[in-house]
Amino acid sequence: MIKYIFVLLMTLAGSLGAFFFKKSTSDLTNVFSLLRVPSFYLGGVLYCLAALMNVVLLRYMDYTILYPMGAIAYIWSLIISNRFLGEKITKKKVLGIALICVGVVLLTR
């Protein structure tokens, strides 16, 4: 059970990493201007944290289970982008997320 909690935390960290990378590009004038944006570094730290958690989880879970479970990050991304970026949640996105959830449940049973 604890490993599934870590999977959720890993996917959340990866999604938050992507969010902060997106946020760091809001005033982007050139690639080097990223070096002055704190959210760029936060995104990198969260991405690295997610990658490290993935490596540790691979010790305790089958690769064929863990890798597809990484798709849970799409659920987090939908929630984060709606809440903090104002992106719309469409029927198509909800259907996609529902199919991801069904796939994850089928894999973990």
PDB file of N, CA and C in Angstrom:
ATOM      1  N   MET A   1       0.821  -1.202   0.000  1.00  0.00           N
ATOM      2  CA  MET A   1       0.000   0.000   0.000  1.00  0.00           C
ATOM      3  C   MET A   1       0.862   1.262   0.000  1.00  0.00           C
ATOM      4  N   ILE A   2       1.928   1.256   0.773  1.00  0.00           N
ATOM      5  CA  ILE A   2       2.793   2.431   0.874  1.00  0.00           C
ATOM      6  C   ILE A   2       3.442   2.754  -0.471  1.00  0.00           C
ATOM      7  N   LYS A   3       3.737   1.722  -1.264  1.00  0.00           N
ATOM      8  CA  LYS A   3       4.361   1.981  -2.560  1.00  0.00           C
ATOM      9  C   LYS A   3       3.413   2.724  -3.494  1.00  0.00           C
ATOM     10  N   TYR A   4       2.113   2.500  -3.363  1.00  0.00           N
ATOM     11  CA  TYR A   4       1.157   3.218  -4.203  1.00  0.00           C
ATOM     12  C   TYR A   4       1.053   4.691  -3.791  1.00  0.00           C
ATOM     13  N   ILE A   5       1.222   4.951  -2.516  1.00  0.00           N
ATOM     14  CA  ILE A   5       1.258   6.342  -2.048  1.00  0.00           C
ATOM     15  C   ILE A   5       2.478   7.038  -2.637  1.00  0.00           C
ATOM     16  N   PHE A   6       3.617   6.333  -2.680  1.00  0.00           N
ATOM     17  CA  PHE A   6       4.811   6.909  -3.277  1.00  0.00           C
ATOM     18  C   PHE A   6       4.653   7.112  -4.781  1.00  0.00           C
ATOM     19  N   VAL A   7       3.898   6.234  -5.432  1.00  0.00           N
ATOM     20  CA  VAL A   7       3.618   6.431  -6.860  1.00  0.00           C
ATOM     21  C   VAL A   7       2.824   7.728  -7.045  1.00  0.00           C
ATOM     22  N   LEU A   8       1.830   7.943  -6.201  1.00  0.00           N
ATOM     23  CA  LEU A   8       1.052   9.189  -6.281  1.00  0.00           C
ATOM     24  C   LEU A   8       1.932  10.406  -6.045  1.00  0.00           C
ATOM     25  N   LEU A   9       2.823  10.322  -5.058  1.00  0.00           N
ATOM     26  CA  LEU A   9       3.733  11.437  -4.775  1.00  0.00           C
ATOM     27  C   LEU A   9       4.723  11.651  -5.926  1.00  0.00           C
ATOM     28  N   MET A  10       5.202  10.560  -6.509  1.00  0.00           N
ATOM     29  CA  MET A  10       6.125  10.664  -7.635  1.00  0.00           C
ATOM     30  C   MET A  10       5.458  11.362  -8.814  1.00  0.00           C
ATOM     31  N   THR A  11       4.235  10.958  -9.133  1.00  0.00           N
ATOM     32  CA  THR A  11       3.547  11.557 -10.277  1.00  0.00           C
ATOM     33  C   THR A  11       3.163  13.007  -9.986  1.00  0.00           C
ATOM     34  N   LEU A  12       2.828  13.298  -8.740  1.00  0.00           N
ATOM     35  CA  LEU A  12       2.519  14.685  -8.370  1.00  0.00           C
ATOM     36  C   LEU A  12       3.766  15.559  -8.503  1.00  0.00           C
ATOM     37  N   ALA A  13       4.904  15.074  -8.041  1.00  0.00           N
ATOM     38  CA  ALA A  13       6.152  15.835  -8.154  1.00  0.00           C
ATOM     39  C   ALA A  13       6.499  16.094  -9.619  1.00  0.00           C
ATOM     40  N   GLY A  14       6.319  15.101 -10.458  1.00  0.00           N
ATOM     41  CA  GLY A  14       6.589  15.281 -11.889  1.00  0.00           C
ATOM     42  C   GLY A  14       5.660  16.297 -12.528  1.00  0.00           C
ATOM     43  N   SER A  15       4.393  16.250 -12.167  1.00  0.00           N
ATOM     44  CA  SER A  15       3.426  17.207 -12.712  1.00  0.00           C
ATOM     45  C   SER A  15       3.694  18.619 -12.219  1.00  0.00           C
ATOM     46  N   LEU A  16       4.041  18.742 -10.948  1.00  0.00           N
ATOM     47  CA  LEU A  16       4.378  20.064 -10.420  1.00  0.00           C
ATOM     48  C   LEU A  16       5.666  20.587 -11.056  1.00  0.00           C
ATOM     49  N   GLY A  17       6.601  19.702 -11.326  1.00  0.00           N
ATOM     50  CA  GLY A  17       7.819  20.107 -12.024  1.00  0.00           C
ATOM     51  C   GLY A  17       7.491  20.702 -13.387  1.00  0.00           C
ATOM     52  N   ALA A  18       6.630  20.035 -14.129  1.00  0.00           N
ATOM     53  CA  ALA A  18       6.219  20.538 -15.440  1.00  0.00           C
ATOM     54  C   ALA A  18       5.479  21.873 -15.301  1.00  0.00           C
ATOM     55  N   PHE A  19       4.633  21.989 -14.280  1.00  0.00           N
ATOM     56  CA  PHE A  19       3.915  23.246 -14.041  1.00  0.00           C
ATOM     57  C   PHE A  19       4.886  24.398 -13.802  1.00  0.00           C
ATOM     58  N   PHE A  20       5.886  24.184 -12.968  1.00  0.00           N
ATOM     59  CA  PHE A  20       6.829  25.259 -12.675  1.00  0.00           C
ATOM     60  C   PHE A  20       7.719  25.569 -13.882  1.00  0.00           C
ATOM     61  N   PHE A  21       8.002  24.575 -14.720  1.00  0.00           N
ATOM     62  CA  PHE A  21       8.709  24.856 -15.971  1.00  0.00           C
ATOM     63  C   PHE A  21       7.840  25.747 -16.861  1.00  0.00           C
ATOM     64  N   LYS A  22       6.560  25.422 -16.941  1.00  0.00           N
ATOM     65  CA  LYS A  22       5.621  26.230 -17.733  1.00  0.00           C
ATOM     66  C   LYS A  22       5.559  27.647 -17.176  1.00  0.00           C
ATOM     67  N   LYS A  23       5.461  27.750 -15.872  1.00  0.00           N
ATOM     68  CA  LYS A  23       5.389  29.058 -15.227  1.00  0.00           C
ATOM     69  C   LYS A  23       6.650  29.878 -15.475  1.00  0.00           C
ATOM     70  N   SER A  24       7.790  29.229 -15.538  1.00  0.00           N
ATOM     71  CA  SER A  24       9.060  29.941 -15.729  1.00  0.00           C
ATOM     72  C   SER A  24       9.184  30.531 -17.129  1.00  0.00           C
ATOM     73  N   THR A  25       8.354  30.106 -18.063  1.00  0.00           N
ATOM     74  CA  THR A  25       8.435  30.611 -19.433  1.00  0.00           C
ATOM     75  C   THR A  25       7.519  31.804 -19.691  1.00  0.00           C
ATOM     76  N   SER A  26       6.789  32.268 -18.680  1.00  0.00           N
ATOM     77  CA  SER A  26       5.814  33.340 -18.903  1.00  0.00           C
ATOM     78  C   SER A  26       6.458  34.633 -19.390  1.00  0.00           C
ATOM     79  N   ASP A  27       7.631  34.966 -18.920  1.00  0.00           N
ATOM     80  CA  ASP A  27       8.333  36.183 -19.353  1.00  0.00           C
ATOM     81  C   ASP A  27       9.626  35.860 -20.085  1.00  0.00           C
ATOM     82  N   LEU A  28       9.630  34.761 -20.781  1.00  0.00           N
ATOM     83  CA  LEU A  28      10.842  34.288 -21.453  1.00  0.00           C
ATOM     84  C   LEU A  28      11.184  35.183 -22.646  1.00  0.00           C
ATOM     85  N   THR A  29      12.384  35.725 -22.639  1.00  0.00           N
ATOM     86  CA  THR A  29      12.853  36.507 -23.782  1.00  0.00           C
ATOM     87  C   THR A  29      13.881  35.707 -24.584  1.00  0.00           C
ATOM     88  N   ASN A  30      14.671  34.912 -23.876  1.00  0.00           N
ATOM     89  CA  ASN A  30      15.593  33.983 -24.530  1.00  0.00           C
ATOM     90  C   ASN A  30      15.900  32.853 -23.552  1.00  0.00           C
ATOM     91  N   VAL A  31      16.572  31.848 -24.020  1.00  0.00           N
ATOM     92  CA  VAL A  31      16.840  30.672 -23.194  1.00  0.00           C
ATOM     93  C   VAL A  31      17.623  31.036 -21.928  1.00  0.00           C
ATOM     94  N   PHE A  32      18.535  31.973 -22.040  1.00  0.00           N
ATOM     95  CA  PHE A  32      19.373  32.330 -20.895  1.00  0.00           C
ATOM     96  C   PHE A  32      18.608  33.091 -19.818  1.00  0.00           C
ATOM     97  N   SER A  33      17.491  33.703 -20.190  1.00  0.00           N
ATOM     98  CA  SER A  33      16.691  34.410 -19.175  1.00  0.00           C
ATOM     99  C   SER A  33      16.060  33.432 -18.185  1.00  0.00           C
ATOM    100  N   LEU A  34      15.974  32.167 -18.561  1.00  0.00           N
ATOM    101  CA  LEU A  34      15.463  31.147 -17.635  1.00  0.00           C
ATOM    102  C   LEU A  34      16.323  31.044 -16.380  1.00  0.00           C
ATOM    103  N   LEU A  35      17.594  31.331 -16.523  1.00  0.00           N
ATOM    104  CA  LEU A  35      18.529  31.188 -15.403  1.00  0.00           C
ATOM    105  C   LEU A  35      18.247  32.182 -14.281  1.00  0.00           C
ATOM    106  N   ARG A  36      17.420  33.179 -14.550  1.00  0.00           N
ATOM    107  CA  ARG A  36      17.076  34.177 -13.530  1.00  0.00           C
ATOM    108  C   ARG A  36      15.689  33.951 -12.933  1.00  0.00           C
ATOM    109  N   VAL A  37      15.050  32.848 -13.288  1.00  0.00           N
ATOM    110  CA  VAL A  37      13.675  32.600 -12.853  1.00  0.00           C
ATOM    111  C   VAL A  37      13.658  31.478 -11.810  1.00  0.00           C
ATOM    112  N   PRO A  38      13.265  31.790 -10.562  1.00  0.00           N
ATOM    113  CA  PRO A  38      13.258  30.767  -9.501  1.00  0.00           C
ATOM    114  C   PRO A  38      12.371  29.559  -9.814  1.00  0.00           C
ATOM    115  N   SER A  39      11.254  29.771 -10.500  1.00  0.00           N
ATOM    116  CA  SER A  39      10.361  28.647 -10.777  1.00  0.00           C
ATOM    117  C   SER A  39      11.003  27.629 -11.722  1.00  0.00           C
ATOM    118  N   PHE A  40      11.973  28.059 -12.517  1.00  0.00           N
ATOM    119  CA  PHE A  40      12.708  27.135 -13.373  1.00  0.00           C
ATOM    120  C   PHE A  40      13.489  26.128 -12.523  1.00  0.00           C
ATOM    121  N   TYR A  41      14.123  26.629 -11.478  1.00  0.00           N
ATOM    122  CA  TYR A  41      14.900  25.758 -10.587  1.00  0.00           C
ATOM    123  C   TYR A  41      13.990  24.857  -9.754  1.00  0.00           C
ATOM    124  N   LEU A  42      12.868  25.393  -9.308  1.00  0.00           N
ATOM    125  CA  LEU A  42      11.912  24.580  -8.552  1.00  0.00           C
ATOM    126  C   LEU A  42      11.385  23.442  -9.420  1.00  0.00           C
ATOM    127  N   GLY A  43      11.080  23.752 -10.683  1.00  0.00           N
ATOM    128  CA  GLY A  43      10.639  22.709 -11.609  1.00  0.00           C
ATOM    129  C   GLY A  43      11.686  21.628 -11.777  1.00  0.00           C
ATOM    130  N   GLY A  44      12.944  22.038 -11.876  1.00  0.00           N
ATOM    131  CA  GLY A  44      14.030  21.075 -12.018  1.00  0.00           C
ATOM    132  C   GLY A  44      14.189  20.192 -10.793  1.00  0.00           C
ATOM    133  N   VAL A  45      14.072  20.788  -9.618  1.00  0.00           N
ATOM    134  CA  VAL A  45      14.184  20.019  -8.369  1.00  0.00           C
ATOM    135  C   VAL A  45      13.048  19.004  -8.277  1.00  0.00           C
ATOM    136  N   LEU A  46      11.841  19.435  -8.609  1.00  0.00           N
ATOM    137  CA  LEU A  46      10.696  18.518  -8.537  1.00  0.00           C
ATOM    138  C   LEU A  46      10.815  17.391  -9.564  1.00  0.00           C
ATOM    139  N   TYR A  47      11.280  17.711 -10.761  1.00  0.00           N
ATOM    140  CA  TYR A  47      11.508  16.679 -11.776  1.00  0.00           C
ATOM    141  C   TYR A  47      12.545  15.664 -11.292  1.00  0.00           C
ATOM    142  N   CYS A  48      13.628  16.162 -10.732  1.00  0.00           N
ATOM    143  CA  CYS A  48      14.674  15.265 -10.218  1.00  0.00           C
ATOM    144  C   CYS A  48      14.150  14.410  -9.069  1.00  0.00           C
ATOM    145  N   LEU A  49      13.361  15.009  -8.194  1.00  0.00           N
ATOM    146  CA  LEU A  49      12.760  14.263  -7.088  1.00  0.00           C
ATOM    147  C   LEU A  49      11.871  13.142  -7.626  1.00  0.00           C
ATOM    148  N   ALA A  50      11.063  13.459  -8.630  1.00  0.00           N
ATOM    149  CA  ALA A  50      10.198  12.437  -9.232  1.00  0.00           C
ATOM    150  C   ALA A  50      11.029  11.318  -9.848  1.00  0.00           C
ATOM    151  N   ALA A  51      12.119  11.671 -10.520  1.00  0.00           N
ATOM    152  CA  ALA A  51      12.977  10.660 -11.141  1.00  0.00           C
ATOM    153  C   ALA A  51      13.631   9.767 -10.085  1.00  0.00           C
ATOM    154  N   LEU A  52      14.093  10.361  -9.001  1.00  0.00           N
ATOM    155  CA  LEU A  52      14.698   9.575  -7.923  1.00  0.00           C
ATOM    156  C   LEU A  52      13.679   8.637  -7.271  1.00  0.00           C
ATOM    157  N   MET A  53      12.482   9.138  -7.066  1.00  0.00           N
ATOM    158  CA  MET A  53      11.431   8.291  -6.497  1.00  0.00           C
ATOM    159  C   MET A  53      11.128   7.127  -7.438  1.00  0.00           C
ATOM    160  N   ASN A  54      11.142   7.410  -8.743  1.00  0.00           N
ATOM    161  CA  ASN A  54      10.897   6.366  -9.726  1.00  0.00           C
ATOM    162  C   ASN A  54      11.961   5.276  -9.619  1.00  0.00           C
ATOM    163  N   VAL A  55      13.208   5.665  -9.500  1.00  0.00           N
ATOM    164  CA  VAL A  55      14.306   4.695  -9.387  1.00  0.00           C
ATOM    165  C   VAL A  55      14.129   3.828  -8.142  1.00  0.00           C
ATOM    166  N   VAL A  56      13.785   4.449  -7.026  1.00  0.00           N
ATOM    167  CA  VAL A  56      13.590   3.688  -5.782  1.00  0.00           C
ATOM    168  C   VAL A  56      12.402   2.746  -5.922  1.00  0.00           C
ATOM    169  N   LEU A  57      11.310   3.244  -6.494  1.00  0.00           N
ATOM    170  CA  LEU A  57      10.122   2.405  -6.655  1.00  0.00           C
ATOM    171  C   LEU A  57      10.380   1.204  -7.562  1.00  0.00           C
ATOM    172  N   LEU A  58      11.277   1.365  -8.524  1.00  0.00           N
ATOM    173  CA  LEU A  58      11.588   0.239  -9.411  1.00  0.00           C
ATOM    174  C   LEU A  58      12.172  -0.948  -8.649  1.00  0.00           C
ATOM    175  N   ARG A  59      12.738  -0.682  -7.505  1.00  0.00           N
ATOM    176  CA  ARG A  59      13.268  -1.781  -6.688  1.00  0.00           C
ATOM    177  C   ARG A  59      12.135  -2.632  -6.102  1.00  0.00           C
ATOM    178  N   TYR A  60      10.980  -2.016  -5.881  1.00  0.00           N
ATOM    179  CA  TYR A  60       9.888  -2.692  -5.183  1.00  0.00           C
ATOM    180  C   TYR A  60       8.699  -3.044  -6.078  1.00  0.00           C
ATOM    181  N   MET A  61       8.704  -2.545  -7.301  1.00  0.00           N
ATOM    182  CA  MET A  61       7.565  -2.799  -8.186  1.00  0.00           C
ATOM    183  C   MET A  61       8.065  -3.274  -9.546  1.00  0.00           C
ATOM    184  N   ASP A  62       7.219  -4.019 -10.227  1.00  0.00           N
ATOM    185  CA  ASP A  62       7.535  -4.434 -11.586  1.00  0.00           C
ATOM    186  C   ASP A  62       7.529  -3.216 -12.501  1.00  0.00           C
ATOM    187  N   TYR A  63       8.458  -3.192 -13.413  1.00  0.00           N
ATOM    188  CA  TYR A  63       8.550  -2.109 -14.380  1.00  0.00           C
ATOM    189  C   TYR A  63       7.270  -2.018 -15.216  1.00  0.00           C
ATOM    190  N   THR A  64       6.706  -3.186 -15.550  1.00  0.00           N
ATOM    191  CA  THR A  64       5.500  -3.219 -16.375  1.00  0.00           C
ATOM    192  C   THR A  64       4.276  -2.674 -15.644  1.00  0.00           C
ATOM    193  N   ILE A  65       4.375  -2.521 -14.338  1.00  0.00           N
ATOM    194  CA  ILE A  65       3.301  -1.912 -13.549  1.00  0.00           C
ATOM    195  C   ILE A  65       3.619  -0.444 -13.289  1.00  0.00           C
ATOM    196  N   LEU A  66       4.823  -0.175 -12.843  1.00  0.00           N
ATOM    197  CA  LEU A  66       5.181   1.188 -12.447  1.00  0.00           C
ATOM    198  C   LEU A  66       5.173   2.161 -13.616  1.00  0.00           C
ATOM    199  N   TYR A  67       5.745   1.767 -14.734  1.00  0.00           N
ATOM    200  CA  TYR A  67       5.847   2.702 -15.849  1.00  0.00           C
ATOM    201  C   TYR A  67       4.470   3.176 -16.334  1.00  0.00           C
ATOM    202  N   PRO A  68       3.516   2.277 -16.573  1.00  0.00           N
ATOM    203  CA  PRO A  68       2.188   2.761 -16.965  1.00  0.00           C
ATOM    204  C   PRO A  68       1.493   3.596 -15.874  1.00  0.00           C
ATOM    205  N   MET A  69       1.797   3.303 -14.607  1.00  0.00           N
ATOM    206  CA  MET A  69       1.188   4.082 -13.532  1.00  0.00           C
ATOM    207  C   MET A  69       1.677   5.533 -13.548  1.00  0.00           C
ATOM    208  N   GLY A  70       2.778   5.771 -14.219  1.00  0.00           N
ATOM    209  CA  GLY A  70       3.262   7.134 -14.381  1.00  0.00           C
ATOM    210  C   GLY A  70       2.255   8.018 -15.108  1.00  0.00           C
ATOM    211  N   ALA A  71       1.326   7.387 -15.811  1.00  0.00           N
ATOM    212  CA  ALA A  71       0.284   8.142 -16.519  1.00  0.00           C
ATOM    213  C   ALA A  71      -0.652   8.863 -15.549  1.00  0.00           C
ATOM    214  N   ILE A  72      -0.586   8.525 -14.277  1.00  0.00           N
ATOM    215  CA  ILE A  72      -1.371   9.245 -13.273  1.00  0.00           C
ATOM    216  C   ILE A  72      -0.979  10.724 -13.272  1.00  0.00           C
ATOM    217  N   ALA A  73       0.225  11.015 -13.740  1.00  0.00           N
ATOM    218  CA  ALA A  73       0.673  12.414 -13.836  1.00  0.00           C
ATOM    219  C   ALA A  73      -0.274  13.234 -14.708  1.00  0.00           C
ATOM    220  N   TYR A  74      -0.924  12.601 -15.682  1.00  0.00           N
ATOM    221  CA  TYR A  74      -1.882  13.328 -16.521  1.00  0.00           C
ATOM    222  C   TYR A  74      -3.076  13.815 -15.704  1.00  0.00           C
ATOM    223  N   ILE A  75      -3.464  13.042 -14.711  1.00  0.00           N
ATOM    224  CA  ILE A  75      -4.570  13.452 -13.844  1.00  0.00           C
ATOM    225  C   ILE A  75      -4.153  14.681 -13.054  1.00  0.00           C
ATOM    226  N   TRP A  76      -2.973  14.608 -12.446  1.00  0.00           N
ATOM    227  CA  TRP A  76      -2.470  15.769 -11.695  1.00  0.00           C
ATOM    228  C   TRP A  76      -2.358  16.989 -12.611  1.00  0.00           C
ATOM    229  N   SER A  77      -1.857  16.784 -13.825  1.00  0.00           N
ATOM    230  CA  SER A  77      -1.678  17.896 -14.760  1.00  0.00           C
ATOM    231  C   SER A  77      -3.002  18.550 -15.109  1.00  0.00           C
ATOM    232  N   LEU A  78      -4.041  17.744 -15.275  1.00  0.00           N
ATOM    233  CA  LEU A  78      -5.363  18.287 -15.569  1.00  0.00           C
ATOM    234  C   LEU A  78      -5.844  19.172 -14.424  1.00  0.00           C
ATOM    235  N   ILE A  79      -5.687  18.697 -13.205  1.00  0.00           N
ATOM    236  CA  ILE A  79      -6.126  19.450 -12.028  1.00  0.00           C
ATOM    237  C   ILE A  79      -5.301  20.729 -11.860  1.00  0.00           C
ATOM    238  N   ILE A  80      -3.983  20.608 -11.958  1.00  0.00           N
ATOM    239  CA  ILE A  80      -3.098  21.760 -11.770  1.00  0.00           C
ATOM    240  C   ILE A  80      -3.327  22.815 -12.852  1.00  0.00           C
ATOM    241  N   SER A  81      -3.446  22.367 -14.111  1.00  0.00           N
ATOM    242  CA  SER A  81      -3.621  23.332 -15.197  1.00  0.00           C
ATOM    243  C   SER A  81      -4.963  24.042 -15.107  1.00  0.00           C
ATOM    244  N   ASN A  82      -5.976  23.349 -14.638  1.00  0.00           N
ATOM    245  CA  ASN A  82      -7.279  23.986 -14.461  1.00  0.00           C
ATOM    246  C   ASN A  82      -7.251  24.988 -13.320  1.00  0.00           C
ATOM    247  N   ARG A  83      -6.680  24.578 -12.225  1.00  0.00           N
ATOM    248  CA  ARG A  83      -6.689  25.401 -11.011  1.00  0.00           C
ATOM    249  C   ARG A  83      -5.780  26.623 -11.097  1.00  0.00           C
ATOM    250  N   PHE A  84      -4.589  26.430 -11.637  1.00  0.00           N
ATOM    251  CA  PHE A  84      -3.583  27.491 -11.589  1.00  0.00           C
ATOM    252  C   PHE A  84      -3.306  28.178 -12.924  1.00  0.00           C
ATOM    253  N   LEU A  85      -3.687  27.554 -14.033  1.00  0.00           N
ATOM    254  CA  LEU A  85      -3.454  28.160 -15.340  1.00  0.00           C
ATOM    255  C   LEU A  85      -4.749  28.533 -16.048  1.00  0.00           C
ATOM    256  N   GLY A  86      -5.871  28.167 -15.445  1.00  0.00           N
ATOM    257  CA  GLY A  86      -7.171  28.516 -16.024  1.00  0.00           C
ATOM    258  C   GLY A  86      -7.534  27.730 -17.275  1.00  0.00           C
ATOM    259  N   GLU A  87      -6.881  26.601 -17.493  1.00  0.00           N
ATOM    260  CA  GLU A  87      -7.207  25.784 -18.659  1.00  0.00           C
ATOM    261  C   GLU A  87      -8.541  25.075 -18.442  1.00  0.00           C
ATOM    262  N   LYS A  88      -9.268  24.908 -19.517  1.00  0.00           N
ATOM    263  CA  LYS A  88     -10.600  24.296 -19.459  1.00  0.00           C
ATOM    264  C   LYS A  88     -10.496  22.775 -19.350  1.00  0.00           C
ATOM    265  N   ILE A  89     -11.437  22.212 -18.599  1.00  0.00           N
ATOM    266  CA  ILE A  89     -11.585  20.761 -18.544  1.00  0.00           C
ATOM    267  C   ILE A  89     -12.708  20.404 -19.510  1.00  0.00           C
ATOM    268  N   THR A  90     -12.365  19.691 -20.567  1.00  0.00           N
ATOM    269  CA  THR A  90     -13.345  19.328 -21.592  1.00  0.00           C
ATOM    270  C   THR A  90     -13.788  17.881 -21.413  1.00  0.00           C
ATOM    271  N   LYS A  91     -14.854  17.526 -22.101  1.00  0.00           N
ATOM    272  CA  LYS A  91     -15.348  16.142 -22.058  1.00  0.00           C
ATOM    273  C   LYS A  91     -14.279  15.174 -22.584  1.00  0.00           C
ATOM    274  N   LYS A  92     -13.576  15.605 -23.604  1.00  0.00           N
ATOM    275  CA  LYS A  92     -12.529  14.766 -24.190  1.00  0.00           C
ATOM    276  C   LYS A  92     -11.412  14.498 -23.178  1.00  0.00           C
ATOM    277  N   LYS A  93     -11.023  15.533 -22.433  1.00  0.00           N
ATOM    278  CA  LYS A  93      -9.984  15.359 -21.416  1.00  0.00           C
ATOM    279  C   LYS A  93     -10.467  14.448 -20.294  1.00  0.00           C
ATOM    280  N   VAL A  94     -11.712  14.619 -19.877  1.00  0.00           N
ATOM    281  CA  VAL A  94     -12.268  13.777 -18.814  1.00  0.00           C
ATOM    282  C   VAL A  94     -12.329  12.322 -19.267  1.00  0.00           C
ATOM    283  N   LEU A  95     -12.715  12.090 -20.514  1.00  0.00           N
ATOM    284  CA  LEU A  95     -12.750  10.719 -21.045  1.00  0.00           C
ATOM    285  C   LEU A  95     -11.345  10.120 -21.049  1.00  0.00           C
ATOM    286  N   GLY A  96     -10.373  10.893 -21.474  1.00  0.00           N
ATOM    287  CA  GLY A  96      -8.998  10.413 -21.484  1.00  0.00           C
ATOM    288  C   GLY A  96      -8.511  10.048 -20.090  1.00  0.00           C
ATOM    289  N   ILE A  97      -8.813  10.902 -19.127  1.00  0.00           N
ATOM    290  CA  ILE A  97      -8.417  10.642 -17.734  1.00  0.00           C
ATOM    291  C   ILE A  97      -9.134   9.395 -17.204  1.00  0.00           C
ATOM    292  N   ALA A  98     -10.412   9.245 -17.539  1.00  0.00           N
ATOM    293  CA  ALA A  98     -11.162   8.066 -17.097  1.00  0.00           C
ATOM    294  C   ALA A  98     -10.540   6.788 -17.657  1.00  0.00           C
ATOM    295  N   LEU A  99     -10.124   6.818 -18.909  1.00  0.00           N
ATOM    296  CA  LEU A  99      -9.487   5.645 -19.507  1.00  0.00           C
ATOM    297  C   LEU A  99      -8.143   5.345 -18.845  1.00  0.00           C
ATOM    298  N   ILE A 100      -7.416   6.391 -18.485  1.00  0.00           N
ATOM    299  CA  ILE A 100      -6.156   6.193 -17.752  1.00  0.00           C
ATOM    300  C   ILE A 100      -6.428   5.514 -16.423  1.00  0.00           C
ATOM    301  N   CYS A 101      -7.437   5.981 -15.714  1.00  0.00           N
ATOM    302  CA  CYS A 101      -7.777   5.397 -14.409  1.00  0.00           C
ATOM    303  C   CYS A 101      -8.166   3.929 -14.552  1.00  0.00           C
ATOM    304  N   VAL A 102      -8.950   3.608 -15.561  1.00  0.00           N
ATOM    305  CA  VAL A 102      -9.342   2.210 -15.789  1.00  0.00           C
ATOM    306  C   VAL A 102      -8.095   1.369 -16.065  1.00  0.00           C
ATOM    307  N   GLY A 103      -7.195   1.883 -16.890  1.00  0.00           N
ATOM    308  CA  GLY A 103      -5.965   1.149 -17.194  1.00  0.00           C
ATOM    309  C   GLY A 103      -5.104   0.910 -15.964  1.00  0.00           C
ATOM    310  N   VAL A 104      -4.969   1.925 -15.116  1.00  0.00           N
ATOM    311  CA  VAL A 104      -4.162   1.776 -13.899  1.00  0.00           C
ATOM    312  C   VAL A 104      -4.802   0.753 -12.967  1.00  0.00           C
ATOM    313  N   VAL A 105      -6.108   0.812 -12.818  1.00  0.00           N
ATOM    314  CA  VAL A 105      -6.799  -0.156 -11.947  1.00  0.00           C
ATOM    315  C   VAL A 105      -6.615  -1.571 -12.482  1.00  0.00           C
ATOM    316  N   LEU A 106      -6.744  -1.760 -13.790  1.00  0.00           N
ATOM    317  CA  LEU A 106      -6.564  -3.088 -14.383  1.00  0.00           C
ATOM    318  C   LEU A 106      -5.145  -3.609 -14.169  1.00  0.00           C
ATOM    319  N   LEU A 107      -4.170  -2.726 -14.245  1.00  0.00           N
ATOM    320  CA  LEU A 107      -2.784  -3.159 -14.063  1.00  0.00           C
ATOM    321  C   LEU A 107      -2.455  -3.540 -12.634  1.00  0.00           C
ATOM    322  N   THR A 108      -3.073  -2.874 -11.680  1.00  0.00           N
ATOM    323  CA  THR A 108      -2.708  -3.097 -10.286  1.00  0.00           C
ATOM    324  C   THR A 108      -3.503  -4.213  -9.631  1.00  0.00           C
ATOM    325  N   ARG A 109      -4.397  -4.806 -10.319  1.00  0.00           N
ATOM    326  CA  ARG A 109      -5.206  -5.910  -9.748  1.00  0.00           C
ATOM    327  C   ARG A 109      -4.611  -7.242 -10.087  1.00  0.00           C
TER     328      ARG A 109
END
